[in-house]
Amino acid sequence: MSLVKEIDDDIKDSLPLTAQSYQKLTKDQVQDIDQYLFRFSKFQDIMGDKLFKSIIQRSFIIEIYTGLRNKYFQNN
């Protein structure tokens, strides 16, 4: 069973989370939700870091290519 499916099964009965439903959660359910949120935020941080670096590198390469193309291959 995948981790996402396992977490989903653990917390799906608690969602949507309201003030009333939060107060009725067991300690284990609170820990499950906390773990899910922690892993999701960690995933976002990693993806953001990798995507940001990739975008910066790609835009830098495009800028260099465009500059060289304009300098050497444009008919004036």
N, C-alpha and C. Protein backbone atom coordinates (compact mmCIF):
# COMPACT_ATOMS: atom_id res chain seq x y z
N MET A 1 0.85 -1.18 0.00
CA MET A 1 0.00 0.00 0.00
C MET A 1 0.89 1.24 0.00
N SER A 2 0.56 2.21 -0.83
CA SER A 2 1.38 3.41 -0.89
C SER A 2 1.18 4.26 0.35
N LEU A 3 2.19 5.06 0.64
CA LEU A 3 2.14 5.91 1.82
C LEU A 3 0.99 6.91 1.75
N VAL A 4 0.78 7.49 0.58
CA VAL A 4 -0.30 8.46 0.42
C VAL A 4 -1.65 7.81 0.67
N LYS A 5 -1.84 6.63 0.13
CA LYS A 5 -3.11 5.90 0.34
C LYS A 5 -3.29 5.57 1.81
N GLU A 6 -2.21 5.14 2.46
CA GLU A 6 -2.26 4.80 3.88
C GLU A 6 -2.63 6.01 4.73
N ILE A 7 -2.01 7.14 4.45
CA ILE A 7 -2.32 8.36 5.19
C ILE A 7 -3.75 8.81 4.90
N ASP A 8 -4.13 8.74 3.62
CA ASP A 8 -5.48 9.12 3.22
C ASP A 8 -6.52 8.29 3.97
N ASP A 9 -6.30 7.00 4.07
CA ASP A 9 -7.24 6.14 4.79
C ASP A 9 -7.31 6.50 6.27
N ASP A 10 -6.20 6.93 6.84
CA ASP A 10 -6.16 7.27 8.26
C ASP A 10 -6.92 8.57 8.58
N ILE A 11 -6.91 9.52 7.66
CA ILE A 11 -7.49 10.83 8.00
C ILE A 11 -8.75 11.19 7.21
N LYS A 12 -9.14 10.38 6.24
CA LYS A 12 -10.26 10.77 5.38
C LYS A 12 -11.57 10.97 6.14
N ASP A 13 -11.76 10.23 7.23
CA ASP A 13 -12.99 10.39 8.00
C ASP A 13 -13.01 11.70 8.80
N SER A 14 -11.84 12.31 8.96
CA SER A 14 -11.73 13.55 9.73
C SER A 14 -11.88 14.80 8.86
N LEU A 15 -11.97 14.61 7.56
CA LEU A 15 -12.02 15.75 6.64
C LEU A 15 -13.42 15.99 6.13
N PRO A 16 -13.83 17.18 5.86
CA PRO A 16 -13.08 18.42 6.07
C PRO A 16 -12.92 18.69 7.56
N LEU A 17 -11.81 19.28 7.90
CA LEU A 17 -11.48 19.54 9.30
C LEU A 17 -12.12 20.85 9.74
N THR A 18 -12.97 20.76 10.73
CA THR A 18 -13.60 21.95 11.31
C THR A 18 -13.20 22.03 12.78
N ALA A 19 -13.57 23.11 13.42
CA ALA A 19 -13.25 23.26 14.85
C ALA A 19 -13.90 22.13 15.65
N GLN A 20 -15.13 21.78 15.28
CA GLN A 20 -15.84 20.72 16.01
C GLN A 20 -15.20 19.35 15.77
N SER A 21 -14.87 19.07 14.50
CA SER A 21 -14.29 17.76 14.21
C SER A 21 -12.87 17.65 14.77
N TYR A 22 -12.16 18.76 14.82
CA TYR A 22 -10.80 18.74 15.39
C TYR A 22 -10.85 18.35 16.87
N GLN A 23 -11.81 18.88 17.58
CA GLN A 23 -11.90 18.59 19.02
C GLN A 23 -12.26 17.12 19.29
N LYS A 24 -12.85 16.46 18.31
CA LYS A 24 -13.24 15.06 18.48
C LYS A 24 -12.15 14.07 18.06
N LEU A 25 -11.03 14.58 17.53
CA LEU A 25 -9.97 13.69 17.05
C LEU A 25 -9.26 13.01 18.21
N THR A 26 -8.83 11.79 17.94
CA THR A 26 -8.01 11.08 18.92
C THR A 26 -6.57 11.56 18.77
N LYS A 27 -5.74 11.22 19.74
CA LYS A 27 -4.33 11.60 19.67
C LYS A 27 -3.68 11.01 18.43
N ASP A 28 -4.01 9.78 18.09
CA ASP A 28 -3.45 9.14 16.90
C ASP A 28 -3.87 9.86 15.61
N GLN A 29 -5.12 10.29 15.55
CA GLN A 29 -5.59 11.01 14.37
C GLN A 29 -4.88 12.35 14.23
N VAL A 30 -4.67 13.04 15.34
CA VAL A 30 -3.95 14.32 15.30
C VAL A 30 -2.53 14.09 14.81
N GLN A 31 -1.89 13.02 15.29
CA GLN A 31 -0.53 12.70 14.85
C GLN A 31 -0.50 12.34 13.36
N ASP A 32 -1.52 11.63 12.89
CA ASP A 32 -1.59 11.29 11.47
C ASP A 32 -1.70 12.54 10.62
N ILE A 33 -2.56 13.45 11.01
CA ILE A 33 -2.74 14.70 10.26
C ILE A 33 -1.46 15.53 10.31
N ASP A 34 -0.85 15.61 11.48
CA ASP A 34 0.40 16.35 11.63
C ASP A 34 1.48 15.77 10.72
N GLN A 35 1.59 14.46 10.69
CA GLN A 35 2.60 13.80 9.84
C GLN A 35 2.32 14.07 8.37
N TYR A 36 1.06 14.00 7.99
CA TYR A 36 0.68 14.28 6.61
C TYR A 36 1.07 15.70 6.23
N LEU A 37 0.74 16.67 7.07
CA LEU A 37 1.06 18.07 6.78
C LEU A 37 2.57 18.30 6.74
N PHE A 38 3.30 17.65 7.64
CA PHE A 38 4.75 17.79 7.65
C PHE A 38 5.35 17.26 6.35
N ARG A 39 4.91 16.07 5.94
CA ARG A 39 5.45 15.48 4.71
C ARG A 39 5.05 16.28 3.48
N PHE A 40 3.84 16.79 3.47
CA PHE A 40 3.39 17.60 2.34
C PHE A 40 4.20 18.89 2.24
N SER A 41 4.44 19.55 3.37
CA SER A 41 5.22 20.80 3.34
C SER A 41 6.67 20.51 2.96
N LYS A 42 7.22 19.39 3.41
CA LYS A 42 8.57 18.99 3.04
C LYS A 42 8.65 18.74 1.53
N PHE A 43 7.63 18.07 1.01
CA PHE A 43 7.56 17.81 -0.42
C PHE A 43 7.52 19.13 -1.22
N GLN A 44 6.72 20.07 -0.75
CA GLN A 44 6.64 21.37 -1.42
C GLN A 44 7.98 22.09 -1.38
N ASP A 45 8.67 22.04 -0.25
CA ASP A 45 9.97 22.69 -0.13
C ASP A 45 10.97 22.09 -1.11
N ILE A 46 11.00 20.76 -1.19
CA ILE A 46 11.94 20.09 -2.09
C ILE A 46 11.62 20.42 -3.54
N MET A 47 10.35 20.32 -3.90
CA MET A 47 9.96 20.61 -5.28
C MET A 47 10.23 22.07 -5.64
N GLY A 48 9.90 22.97 -4.73
CA GLY A 48 10.15 24.38 -4.99
C GLY A 48 11.62 24.66 -5.18
N ASP A 49 12.45 24.04 -4.36
CA ASP A 49 13.89 24.23 -4.47
C ASP A 49 14.41 23.71 -5.81
N LYS A 50 13.98 22.52 -6.19
CA LYS A 50 14.44 21.93 -7.45
C LYS A 50 13.89 22.70 -8.65
N LEU A 51 12.62 23.04 -8.62
CA LEU A 51 12.02 23.77 -9.74
C LEU A 51 12.62 25.16 -9.87
N PHE A 52 12.84 25.82 -8.76
CA PHE A 52 13.41 27.17 -8.80
C PHE A 52 14.81 27.13 -9.43
N LYS A 53 15.64 26.18 -8.99
CA LYS A 53 16.98 26.05 -9.57
C LYS A 53 16.91 25.75 -11.05
N SER A 54 16.00 24.87 -11.44
CA SER A 54 15.85 24.50 -12.84
C SER A 54 15.42 25.70 -13.68
N ILE A 55 14.48 26.47 -13.17
CA ILE A 55 14.00 27.65 -13.90
C ILE A 55 15.12 28.67 -14.05
N ILE A 56 15.87 28.90 -12.98
CA ILE A 56 16.98 29.85 -13.04
C ILE A 56 18.03 29.38 -14.04
N GLN A 57 18.39 28.10 -13.98
CA GLN A 57 19.39 27.57 -14.91
C GLN A 57 18.90 27.67 -16.35
N ARG A 58 17.65 27.31 -16.56
CA ARG A 58 17.11 27.34 -17.92
C ARG A 58 17.05 28.77 -18.45
N SER A 59 16.61 29.71 -17.63
CA SER A 59 16.53 31.10 -18.10
C SER A 59 17.92 31.66 -18.36
N PHE A 60 18.92 31.24 -17.56
CA PHE A 60 20.29 31.68 -17.78
C PHE A 60 20.81 31.14 -19.11
N ILE A 61 20.55 29.86 -19.39
CA ILE A 61 20.99 29.25 -20.64
C ILE A 61 20.30 29.92 -21.82
N ILE A 62 19.01 30.19 -21.71
CA ILE A 62 18.27 30.85 -22.78
C ILE A 62 18.82 32.26 -23.01
N GLU A 63 19.14 32.95 -21.92
CA GLU A 63 19.69 34.31 -22.04
C GLU A 63 21.04 34.28 -22.76
N ILE A 64 21.90 33.31 -22.42
CA ILE A 64 23.20 33.18 -23.08
C ILE A 64 23.01 32.86 -24.56
N TYR A 65 22.15 31.88 -24.85
CA TYR A 65 21.89 31.49 -26.23
C TYR A 65 21.36 32.66 -27.05
N THR A 66 20.40 33.37 -26.50
CA THR A 66 19.80 34.50 -27.20
C THR A 66 20.84 35.59 -27.45
N GLY A 67 21.65 35.85 -26.44
CA GLY A 67 22.70 36.86 -26.60
C GLY A 67 23.70 36.48 -27.68
N LEU A 68 24.13 35.23 -27.68
CA LEU A 68 25.08 34.77 -28.70
C LEU A 68 24.45 34.77 -30.08
N ARG A 69 23.21 34.32 -30.17
CA ARG A 69 22.51 34.30 -31.46
C ARG A 69 22.38 35.72 -32.02
N ASN A 70 21.98 36.63 -31.16
CA ASN A 70 21.82 38.01 -31.61
C ASN A 70 23.15 38.64 -32.02
N LYS A 71 24.19 38.29 -31.29
CA LYS A 71 25.51 38.87 -31.55
C LYS A 71 26.12 38.34 -32.84
N TYR A 72 26.03 37.03 -33.06
CA TYR A 72 26.77 36.42 -34.16
C TYR A 72 25.94 36.01 -35.37
N PHE A 73 24.64 35.84 -35.23
CA PHE A 73 23.87 35.27 -36.32
C PHE A 73 22.76 36.18 -36.84
N GLN A 74 22.66 37.37 -36.34
CA GLN A 74 21.62 38.26 -36.81
C GLN A 74 22.14 39.06 -38.00
N ASN A 75 21.33 39.11 -39.03
CA ASN A 75 21.72 39.91 -40.21
C ASN A 75 21.42 41.36 -39.93
N ASN A 76 22.45 42.18 -40.05
CA ASN A 76 22.27 43.64 -39.81
C ASN A 76 22.13 44.35 -41.12
